[in-house]
């Protein structure tokens, strides 16, 4: 069973590069991003069964708590 990682800001440059490396290494990746600046950087991950995306703000405590229930890191 692979580890499940939450990446906040995953649509930005650093976040999208991190997501690519994590997915290539076999991790399950969930991204939370508001898409304020970037919108297309994650499209090529959409078909990957180990990738999930949620639009939202990392300052939303309820959203973060909900997502953290299902992740390891």
N, C-alpha and C. Protein backbone atom coordinates (compact mmCIF):
# COMPACT_ATOMS: atom_id res chain seq x y z
N UNK A 1 0.84 -1.18 0.00
CA UNK A 1 0.00 0.00 0.00
C UNK A 1 0.88 1.25 0.00
N UNK A 2 0.62 2.17 -0.92
CA UNK A 2 1.45 3.37 -1.02
C UNK A 2 0.98 4.44 -0.04
N UNK A 3 1.90 5.31 0.32
CA UNK A 3 1.54 6.40 1.22
C UNK A 3 0.75 7.46 0.47
N UNK A 4 -0.13 8.11 1.19
CA UNK A 4 -1.01 9.14 0.64
C UNK A 4 -0.53 10.49 1.16
N UNK A 5 -0.25 11.40 0.22
CA UNK A 5 0.33 12.70 0.55
C UNK A 5 -0.63 13.82 0.14
N UNK A 6 -0.80 14.81 1.02
CA UNK A 6 -1.56 16.02 0.69
C UNK A 6 -0.59 17.12 0.34
N UNK A 7 -0.79 17.73 -0.84
CA UNK A 7 0.05 18.85 -1.28
C UNK A 7 -0.85 20.08 -1.39
N UNK A 8 -0.62 21.07 -0.53
CA UNK A 8 -1.36 22.32 -0.67
C UNK A 8 -0.59 23.22 -1.63
N UNK A 9 -1.32 23.93 -2.46
CA UNK A 9 -0.67 24.76 -3.46
C UNK A 9 -0.06 23.94 -4.58
N UNK A 10 -0.63 22.79 -4.86
CA UNK A 10 -0.06 21.86 -5.83
C UNK A 10 -0.11 22.32 -7.27
N UNK A 11 -0.88 23.35 -7.58
CA UNK A 11 -0.95 23.83 -8.96
C UNK A 11 0.14 24.84 -9.28
N UNK A 12 0.85 25.31 -8.27
CA UNK A 12 1.96 26.23 -8.50
C UNK A 12 3.17 25.49 -9.04
N UNK A 13 4.22 26.22 -9.37
CA UNK A 13 5.39 25.58 -9.96
C UNK A 13 5.99 24.51 -9.05
N UNK A 14 6.33 24.89 -7.83
CA UNK A 14 6.96 23.91 -6.92
C UNK A 14 6.02 22.76 -6.61
N UNK A 15 4.76 23.08 -6.36
CA UNK A 15 3.79 22.03 -6.04
C UNK A 15 3.59 21.05 -7.17
N UNK A 16 3.52 21.54 -8.40
CA UNK A 16 3.30 20.64 -9.53
C UNK A 16 4.52 19.76 -9.79
N UNK A 17 5.72 20.32 -9.59
CA UNK A 17 6.94 19.51 -9.73
C UNK A 17 6.98 18.44 -8.64
N UNK A 18 6.64 18.82 -7.42
CA UNK A 18 6.59 17.87 -6.31
C UNK A 18 5.58 16.76 -6.60
N UNK A 19 4.40 17.12 -7.09
CA UNK A 19 3.38 16.11 -7.42
C UNK A 19 3.90 15.11 -8.44
N UNK A 20 4.58 15.61 -9.46
CA UNK A 20 5.12 14.72 -10.49
C UNK A 20 6.10 13.72 -9.89
N UNK A 21 7.00 14.19 -9.05
CA UNK A 21 7.98 13.31 -8.42
C UNK A 21 7.31 12.29 -7.50
N UNK A 22 6.34 12.74 -6.73
CA UNK A 22 5.64 11.84 -5.81
C UNK A 22 4.87 10.76 -6.57
N UNK A 23 4.17 11.15 -7.62
CA UNK A 23 3.42 10.17 -8.41
C UNK A 23 4.36 9.19 -9.10
N UNK A 24 5.47 9.68 -9.63
CA UNK A 24 6.46 8.79 -10.26
C UNK A 24 7.05 7.80 -9.26
N UNK A 25 7.11 8.20 -7.99
CA UNK A 25 7.66 7.33 -6.95
C UNK A 25 6.61 6.38 -6.38
N UNK A 26 5.38 6.47 -6.88
CA UNK A 26 4.34 5.54 -6.45
C UNK A 26 3.44 6.02 -5.33
N UNK A 27 3.57 7.27 -4.94
CA UNK A 27 2.71 7.82 -3.89
C UNK A 27 1.31 8.11 -4.44
N UNK A 28 0.35 8.12 -3.54
CA UNK A 28 -0.98 8.62 -3.86
C UNK A 28 -0.98 10.09 -3.46
N UNK A 29 -1.42 10.97 -4.36
CA UNK A 29 -1.30 12.41 -4.14
C UNK A 29 -2.67 13.08 -4.20
N UNK A 30 -2.96 13.88 -3.19
CA UNK A 30 -4.14 14.74 -3.19
C UNK A 30 -3.66 16.18 -3.15
N UNK A 31 -4.21 17.00 -4.03
CA UNK A 31 -3.85 18.41 -4.10
C UNK A 31 -5.02 19.27 -3.66
N UNK A 32 -4.72 20.27 -2.86
CA UNK A 32 -5.67 21.32 -2.51
C UNK A 32 -5.08 22.63 -3.02
N UNK A 33 -5.81 23.31 -3.91
CA UNK A 33 -5.31 24.55 -4.48
C UNK A 33 -6.50 25.45 -4.83
N UNK A 34 -6.32 26.73 -4.67
CA UNK A 34 -7.38 27.69 -4.99
C UNK A 34 -7.41 28.04 -6.48
N UNK A 35 -6.39 27.64 -7.22
CA UNK A 35 -6.24 27.95 -8.64
C UNK A 35 -6.26 29.45 -8.90
N UNK A 36 -5.75 30.21 -7.95
CA UNK A 36 -5.72 31.66 -8.10
C UNK A 36 -4.77 32.07 -9.23
N UNK A 37 -3.66 31.37 -9.38
CA UNK A 37 -2.67 31.77 -10.37
C UNK A 37 -2.49 30.76 -11.50
N UNK A 38 -2.54 29.50 -11.20
CA UNK A 38 -2.30 28.47 -12.21
C UNK A 38 -3.55 27.61 -12.37
N UNK A 39 -3.83 27.19 -13.59
CA UNK A 39 -4.99 26.34 -13.79
C UNK A 39 -4.69 25.10 -14.61
N UNK A 40 -3.65 25.12 -15.41
CA UNK A 40 -3.40 24.00 -16.30
C UNK A 40 -2.26 23.09 -15.91
N UNK A 41 -1.53 23.41 -14.85
CA UNK A 41 -0.32 22.66 -14.53
C UNK A 41 -0.59 21.23 -14.07
N UNK A 42 -1.80 20.94 -13.64
CA UNK A 42 -2.10 19.60 -13.12
C UNK A 42 -2.92 18.75 -14.08
N UNK A 43 -3.29 19.29 -15.22
CA UNK A 43 -4.17 18.56 -16.14
C UNK A 43 -3.61 17.21 -16.55
N UNK A 44 -2.31 17.12 -16.76
CA UNK A 44 -1.74 15.85 -17.21
C UNK A 44 -1.76 14.78 -16.12
N UNK A 45 -2.07 15.15 -14.87
CA UNK A 45 -2.20 14.15 -13.81
C UNK A 45 -3.62 13.62 -13.69
N UNK A 46 -4.57 14.26 -14.33
CA UNK A 46 -5.99 13.95 -14.13
C UNK A 46 -6.34 12.48 -14.41
N UNK A 47 -5.67 11.85 -15.34
CA UNK A 47 -5.97 10.46 -15.67
C UNK A 47 -5.28 9.47 -14.74
N UNK A 48 -4.41 9.95 -13.89
CA UNK A 48 -3.68 9.07 -12.97
C UNK A 48 -4.60 8.67 -11.81
N UNK A 49 -4.81 7.37 -11.61
CA UNK A 49 -5.71 6.92 -10.53
C UNK A 49 -5.20 7.24 -9.13
N UNK A 50 -3.92 7.60 -9.01
CA UNK A 50 -3.35 7.95 -7.70
C UNK A 50 -3.37 9.45 -7.44
N UNK A 51 -4.12 10.19 -8.24
CA UNK A 51 -4.17 11.65 -8.11
C UNK A 51 -5.59 12.14 -7.88
N UNK A 52 -5.74 13.00 -6.88
CA UNK A 52 -7.03 13.65 -6.61
C UNK A 52 -6.80 15.15 -6.47
N UNK A 53 -7.78 15.92 -6.90
CA UNK A 53 -7.68 17.38 -6.80
C UNK A 53 -8.92 17.94 -6.13
N UNK A 54 -8.69 18.89 -5.23
CA UNK A 54 -9.79 19.61 -4.59
C UNK A 54 -9.51 21.10 -4.70
N UNK A 55 -10.49 21.85 -5.20
CA UNK A 55 -10.33 23.30 -5.27
C UNK A 55 -10.74 23.88 -3.93
N UNK A 56 -9.85 24.66 -3.36
CA UNK A 56 -10.14 25.28 -2.08
C UNK A 56 -8.94 26.02 -1.54
N UNK A 57 -9.15 26.64 -0.41
CA UNK A 57 -8.14 27.47 0.23
C UNK A 57 -7.54 26.71 1.41
N UNK A 58 -6.22 26.70 1.50
CA UNK A 58 -5.54 26.00 2.60
C UNK A 58 -5.83 26.64 3.95
N UNK A 59 -6.38 27.84 3.96
CA UNK A 59 -6.75 28.50 5.22
C UNK A 59 -8.12 28.06 5.72
N UNK A 60 -8.82 27.23 4.93
CA UNK A 60 -10.14 26.73 5.31
C UNK A 60 -9.94 25.53 6.24
N UNK A 61 -10.06 25.78 7.53
CA UNK A 61 -9.76 24.76 8.53
C UNK A 61 -10.60 23.50 8.36
N UNK A 62 -11.87 23.65 8.06
CA UNK A 62 -12.75 22.49 7.89
C UNK A 62 -12.31 21.65 6.70
N UNK A 63 -11.94 22.29 5.61
CA UNK A 63 -11.49 21.57 4.40
C UNK A 63 -10.19 20.82 4.69
N UNK A 64 -9.25 21.47 5.36
CA UNK A 64 -7.98 20.83 5.69
C UNK A 64 -8.21 19.63 6.60
N UNK A 65 -9.01 19.80 7.63
CA UNK A 65 -9.29 18.69 8.55
C UNK A 65 -9.91 17.52 7.81
N UNK A 66 -10.83 17.81 6.91
CA UNK A 66 -11.49 16.76 6.13
C UNK A 66 -10.48 16.00 5.27
N UNK A 67 -9.58 16.71 4.61
CA UNK A 67 -8.59 16.07 3.74
C UNK A 67 -7.53 15.32 4.54
N UNK A 68 -7.17 15.83 5.69
CA UNK A 68 -6.12 15.19 6.50
C UNK A 68 -6.57 13.85 7.08
N UNK A 69 -7.85 13.60 7.14
CA UNK A 69 -8.35 12.32 7.66
C UNK A 69 -7.89 11.14 6.81
N UNK A 70 -7.67 11.39 5.52
CA UNK A 70 -7.37 10.31 4.59
C UNK A 70 -5.92 10.26 4.12
N UNK A 71 -5.05 11.11 4.66
CA UNK A 71 -3.67 11.12 4.18
C UNK A 71 -2.69 10.71 5.27
N UNK A 72 -1.51 10.27 4.84
CA UNK A 72 -0.45 9.88 5.76
C UNK A 72 0.50 11.04 6.05
N UNK A 73 0.72 11.87 5.04
CA UNK A 73 1.68 12.97 5.16
C UNK A 73 1.03 14.25 4.66
